[in-house]
């Protein structure tokens, strides 16, 4: 599966030019990867309900695996309107942090739940979210744009839940063995996927062998400053990242 996101901010109700560009980019991607590859689109909560409805209608012919965060989490009460307006599966949940917060979107009919193990109470709570999701015929795709420790925690969840669909990752597995960013893990080779699948770890704990001396050394380093890159280039205003 490949997941992509719009590259520019989108207004509450945007122009036909913007809609044609969004659709054309996805059509080009579908033509490049073929029908055997699943495509998911992450809207990052950038779209309004009416703009999401237009987007879902215009992209149904692409057979998307799912559309993620078609609205902001504070508007979760409205997600049922989008579910009922399209045949495209709807995914959400990276900013929902408990079974109680997931219950309304389960009842609204989402297809994929995306709790983040680092945010939603750890492995125990995410397992409970996953079990609740199964009752509602919802599958899991745990959110994980982080490093190997968070990824390893997600894999434990994936291995325990029968309704896990796919595991998200931002790790560059092609360069993982030589990647200094993840040098704090000795057994990086154990986390290399084979044909898109990962072996269930058998080591103690999360299955990671940590270089604790390197972790201590890096903990004293000064972190680089981070710019506010999620602003609208047109006027500098805040937008959903």
Protein backbone atom coordinates (compact mmCIF):
# COMPACT_ATOMS: atom_id res chain seq x y z
CA UNK A 1 0.00 0.00 0.00
CA UNK A 2 1.09 3.54 -0.72
CA UNK A 3 -0.34 6.51 1.18
CA UNK A 4 -0.20 10.08 -0.07
CA UNK A 5 -1.49 13.49 1.02
CA UNK A 6 -2.41 16.75 -0.74
CA UNK A 7 0.66 18.91 -1.10
CA UNK A 8 -1.00 22.33 -0.75
CA UNK A 9 -3.53 23.93 1.63
CA UNK A 10 -7.17 23.61 0.63
CA UNK A 11 -9.83 26.25 1.33
CA UNK A 12 -13.18 25.53 3.02
CA UNK A 13 -14.72 25.18 -0.44
CA UNK A 14 -11.97 25.37 -3.02
CA UNK A 15 -11.95 26.09 -6.73
CA UNK A 16 -12.65 23.73 -9.59
CA UNK A 17 -9.01 24.19 -10.59
CA UNK A 18 -7.89 22.79 -7.23
CA UNK A 19 -10.29 19.86 -7.50
CA UNK A 20 -9.10 18.97 -10.98
CA UNK A 21 -5.47 19.11 -9.82
CA UNK A 22 -6.12 16.85 -6.82
CA UNK A 23 -7.95 14.30 -8.93
CA UNK A 24 -5.41 14.43 -11.76
CA UNK A 25 -2.53 13.76 -9.36
CA UNK A 26 -4.26 10.69 -7.98
CA UNK A 27 -5.18 9.46 -11.46
CA UNK A 28 -1.53 9.76 -12.44
CA UNK A 29 -0.50 7.79 -9.35
CA UNK A 30 -3.06 5.06 -10.09
CA UNK A 31 -1.78 4.78 -13.64
CA UNK A 32 1.81 4.49 -12.37
CA UNK A 33 1.25 1.79 -9.73
CA UNK A 34 -1.57 -0.15 -11.39
CA UNK A 35 -4.65 -1.70 -9.86
CA UNK A 36 -2.78 -4.31 -7.79
CA UNK A 37 -1.40 -1.66 -5.42
CA UNK A 38 -3.66 -0.14 -2.77
CA UNK A 39 -3.72 3.67 -2.57
CA UNK A 40 -4.77 5.55 0.56
CA UNK A 41 -5.14 9.32 0.84
CA UNK A 42 -4.50 11.17 4.09
CA UNK A 43 -6.35 14.48 4.19
CA UNK A 44 -4.82 15.33 7.61
CA UNK A 45 -8.02 17.04 8.73
CA UNK A 46 -7.39 19.84 6.23
CA UNK A 47 -10.74 19.54 4.47
CA UNK A 48 -14.13 20.82 5.54
CA UNK A 49 -17.13 18.48 5.40
CA UNK A 50 -18.43 19.93 2.08
CA UNK A 51 -14.94 19.91 0.54
CA UNK A 52 -14.39 16.31 1.67
CA UNK A 53 -17.75 15.30 0.21
CA UNK A 54 -16.74 16.78 -3.15
CA UNK A 55 -13.33 15.08 -3.00
CA UNK A 56 -14.82 11.67 -2.15
CA UNK A 57 -17.33 11.94 -4.97
CA UNK A 58 -14.68 12.90 -7.53
CA UNK A 59 -12.26 10.10 -6.55
CA UNK A 60 -14.58 7.09 -6.20
CA UNK A 61 -13.52 5.81 -9.64
CA UNK A 62 -9.95 5.37 -8.37
CA UNK A 63 -10.90 2.62 -5.93
CA UNK A 64 -8.99 4.11 -3.00
CA UNK A 65 -8.25 1.76 -0.09
CA UNK A 66 -9.38 4.48 2.31
CA UNK A 67 -9.44 8.24 2.86
CA UNK A 68 -7.93 9.23 6.20
CA UNK A 69 -8.95 12.12 8.46
CA UNK A 70 -11.42 13.72 6.03
CA UNK A 71 -12.28 16.19 8.81
CA UNK A 72 -10.73 17.43 12.03
CA UNK A 73 -11.21 15.33 15.18
CA UNK A 74 -13.28 18.03 16.86
CA UNK A 75 -15.83 17.50 14.07
CA UNK A 76 -16.00 13.72 14.58
CA UNK A 77 -19.75 13.95 15.20
CA UNK A 78 -20.15 14.78 11.50
CA UNK A 79 -18.12 11.88 10.12
CA UNK A 80 -21.21 9.73 9.65
CA UNK A 81 -22.42 12.19 6.99
CA UNK A 82 -19.26 11.47 4.97
CA UNK A 83 -19.46 7.70 5.51
CA UNK A 84 -23.00 7.65 4.14
CA UNK A 85 -22.08 9.85 1.15
CA UNK A 86 -19.47 7.54 -0.39
CA UNK A 87 -18.43 3.96 -1.06
CA UNK A 88 -14.82 4.85 -0.26
CA UNK A 89 -13.79 3.48 3.17
CA UNK A 90 -13.18 6.19 5.78
CA UNK A 91 -10.30 6.04 8.29
CA UNK A 92 -9.64 8.19 11.34
CA UNK A 93 -8.34 8.09 14.89
CA UNK A 94 -4.75 9.29 15.21
CA UNK A 95 -6.04 12.13 17.41
CA UNK A 96 -8.58 10.09 19.37
CA UNK A 97 -7.16 8.81 22.62
CA UNK A 98 -9.54 6.36 24.30
CA UNK A 99 -12.28 3.80 23.72
CA UNK A 100 -14.79 6.48 24.70
CA UNK A 101 -13.56 8.84 21.97
CA UNK A 102 -13.57 6.05 19.36
CA UNK A 103 -17.06 4.78 20.18
CA UNK A 104 -18.96 7.53 18.26
CA UNK A 105 -16.88 7.08 15.07
CA UNK A 106 -17.30 3.31 15.28
CA UNK A 107 -21.06 3.76 15.43
CA UNK A 108 -20.85 6.28 12.56
CA UNK A 109 -19.50 3.52 10.31
CA UNK A 110 -15.80 4.20 9.77
CA UNK A 111 -13.89 1.31 8.17
CA UNK A 112 -10.39 1.82 9.61
CA UNK A 113 -9.41 2.96 13.12
CA UNK A 114 -5.96 4.51 13.55
CA UNK A 115 -5.09 4.87 17.23
CA UNK A 116 -1.53 5.95 18.02
CA UNK A 117 0.08 3.68 20.62
CA UNK A 118 2.31 6.57 21.77
CA UNK A 119 -0.68 8.81 22.48
CA UNK A 120 -3.71 6.64 23.22
CA UNK A 121 -2.73 5.04 26.51
CA UNK A 122 -0.09 2.63 25.24
CA UNK A 123 -0.42 -1.00 24.20
CA UNK A 124 -3.11 -1.89 26.75
CA UNK A 125 -5.59 0.81 25.73
CA UNK A 126 -4.98 0.33 22.01
CA UNK A 127 -5.67 -3.40 22.40
CA UNK A 128 -8.98 -2.47 24.01
CA UNK A 129 -9.72 0.00 21.21
CA UNK A 130 -8.94 -2.74 18.71
CA UNK A 131 -11.22 -5.24 20.43
CA UNK A 132 -14.02 -2.67 20.47
CA UNK A 133 -13.38 -1.96 16.79
CA UNK A 134 -13.84 -5.66 15.97
CA UNK A 135 -17.32 -5.58 17.51
CA UNK A 136 -18.20 -2.82 15.01
CA UNK A 137 -16.60 -4.63 12.01
CA UNK A 138 -13.80 -2.05 11.92
CA UNK A 139 -10.16 -2.86 11.17
CA UNK A 140 -7.03 -1.25 12.62
CA UNK A 141 -4.15 0.58 10.99
CA UNK A 142 -2.17 1.92 13.98
CA UNK A 143 -0.81 5.43 13.45
CA UNK A 144 2.99 5.56 13.62
CA UNK A 145 5.00 8.33 11.93
CA UNK A 146 7.77 7.79 14.51
CA UNK A 147 10.87 5.65 15.09
CA UNK A 148 11.59 2.02 15.87
CA UNK A 149 10.46 2.03 19.51
CA UNK A 150 6.96 3.25 18.66
CA UNK A 151 6.91 0.99 15.62
CA UNK A 152 7.87 -2.03 17.73
CA UNK A 153 5.03 -1.25 20.15
CA UNK A 154 2.61 -1.11 17.23
CA UNK A 155 3.83 -4.48 15.96
CA UNK A 156 2.97 -6.04 19.32
CA UNK A 157 -0.56 -4.70 18.90
CA UNK A 158 -0.72 -5.89 15.28
CA UNK A 159 0.31 -9.42 16.26
CA UNK A 160 -2.33 -9.62 18.99
CA UNK A 161 -5.36 -8.30 17.08
CA UNK A 162 -7.05 -10.34 14.34
CA UNK A 163 -8.60 -7.22 12.82
CA UNK A 164 -5.33 -5.43 12.01
CA UNK A 165 -5.37 -4.32 8.37
CA UNK A 166 -2.00 -2.64 7.85
CA UNK A 167 0.77 -0.99 9.86
CA UNK A 168 1.78 2.57 9.06
CA UNK A 169 5.47 3.51 9.10
CA UNK A 170 7.63 6.44 8.06
CA UNK A 171 10.87 4.47 8.50
CA UNK A 172 13.11 4.22 5.44
CA UNK A 173 13.58 0.46 5.55
CA UNK A 174 15.79 0.52 2.46
CA UNK A 175 18.44 2.39 4.44
CA UNK A 176 17.58 1.20 7.95
CA UNK A 177 20.76 -0.85 8.49
CA UNK A 178 22.97 2.15 7.69
CA UNK A 179 20.68 4.84 9.14
CA UNK A 180 22.31 6.82 11.96
CA UNK A 181 18.89 8.01 13.12
CA UNK A 182 18.09 4.50 14.37
CA UNK A 183 21.60 3.55 15.46
CA UNK A 184 20.36 3.23 19.06
CA UNK A 185 18.89 -0.17 18.09
CA UNK A 186 21.44 -2.99 17.77
CA UNK A 187 19.16 -5.53 16.05
CA UNK A 188 17.84 -3.36 13.25
CA UNK A 189 18.01 -6.31 10.88
CA UNK A 190 15.16 -7.98 12.79
CA UNK A 191 12.85 -5.16 11.71
CA UNK A 192 13.35 -5.43 7.96
CA UNK A 193 10.09 -6.34 6.17
CA UNK A 194 10.14 -9.21 3.68
CA UNK A 195 7.76 -8.84 0.73
CA UNK A 196 5.82 -6.23 2.67
CA UNK A 197 5.47 -8.33 5.83
CA UNK A 198 7.30 -8.29 9.15
CA UNK A 199 8.12 -11.32 11.28
CA UNK A 200 6.58 -11.28 14.74
CA UNK A 201 9.41 -10.37 17.16
CA UNK A 202 10.44 -13.10 19.59
CA UNK A 203 12.87 -11.20 21.84
CA UNK A 204 12.02 -9.96 25.33
CA UNK A 205 9.90 -6.86 25.77
CA UNK A 206 9.25 -5.13 22.46
CA UNK A 207 11.93 -7.22 20.79
CA UNK A 208 14.39 -4.32 20.57
CA UNK A 209 18.02 -4.47 21.67
CA UNK A 210 18.78 -0.89 22.74
CA UNK A 211 22.20 0.77 22.81
CA UNK A 212 21.59 2.50 26.14
CA UNK A 213 24.92 4.36 26.10
CA UNK A 214 24.06 5.97 22.78
CA UNK A 215 20.60 6.91 24.06
CA UNK A 216 22.15 8.64 27.09
CA UNK A 217 24.63 10.48 24.87
CA UNK A 218 21.95 11.69 22.48
CA UNK A 219 19.73 12.79 25.35
CA UNK A 220 22.27 15.51 26.15
CA UNK A 221 22.39 16.84 22.60
CA UNK A 222 20.65 20.10 21.76
CA UNK A 223 17.66 19.46 19.52
CA UNK A 224 17.51 21.51 16.30
CA UNK A 225 14.90 24.24 16.13
CA UNK A 226 11.76 23.33 14.25
CA UNK A 227 10.07 25.85 12.01
CA UNK A 228 6.29 26.18 11.71
CA UNK A 229 6.09 24.58 8.28
CA UNK A 230 2.36 23.88 8.54
CA UNK A 231 1.34 27.44 7.65
CA UNK A 232 -0.49 28.62 4.57
CA UNK A 233 2.08 29.98 2.08
CA UNK A 234 -0.51 32.45 0.82
CA UNK A 235 -0.86 34.43 4.05
CA UNK A 236 1.12 32.63 6.77
CA UNK A 237 -2.00 31.57 8.69
CA UNK A 238 -2.18 28.29 10.62
CA UNK A 239 -3.43 25.26 8.72
CA UNK A 240 -3.77 21.59 9.61
CA UNK A 241 -0.44 19.92 9.00
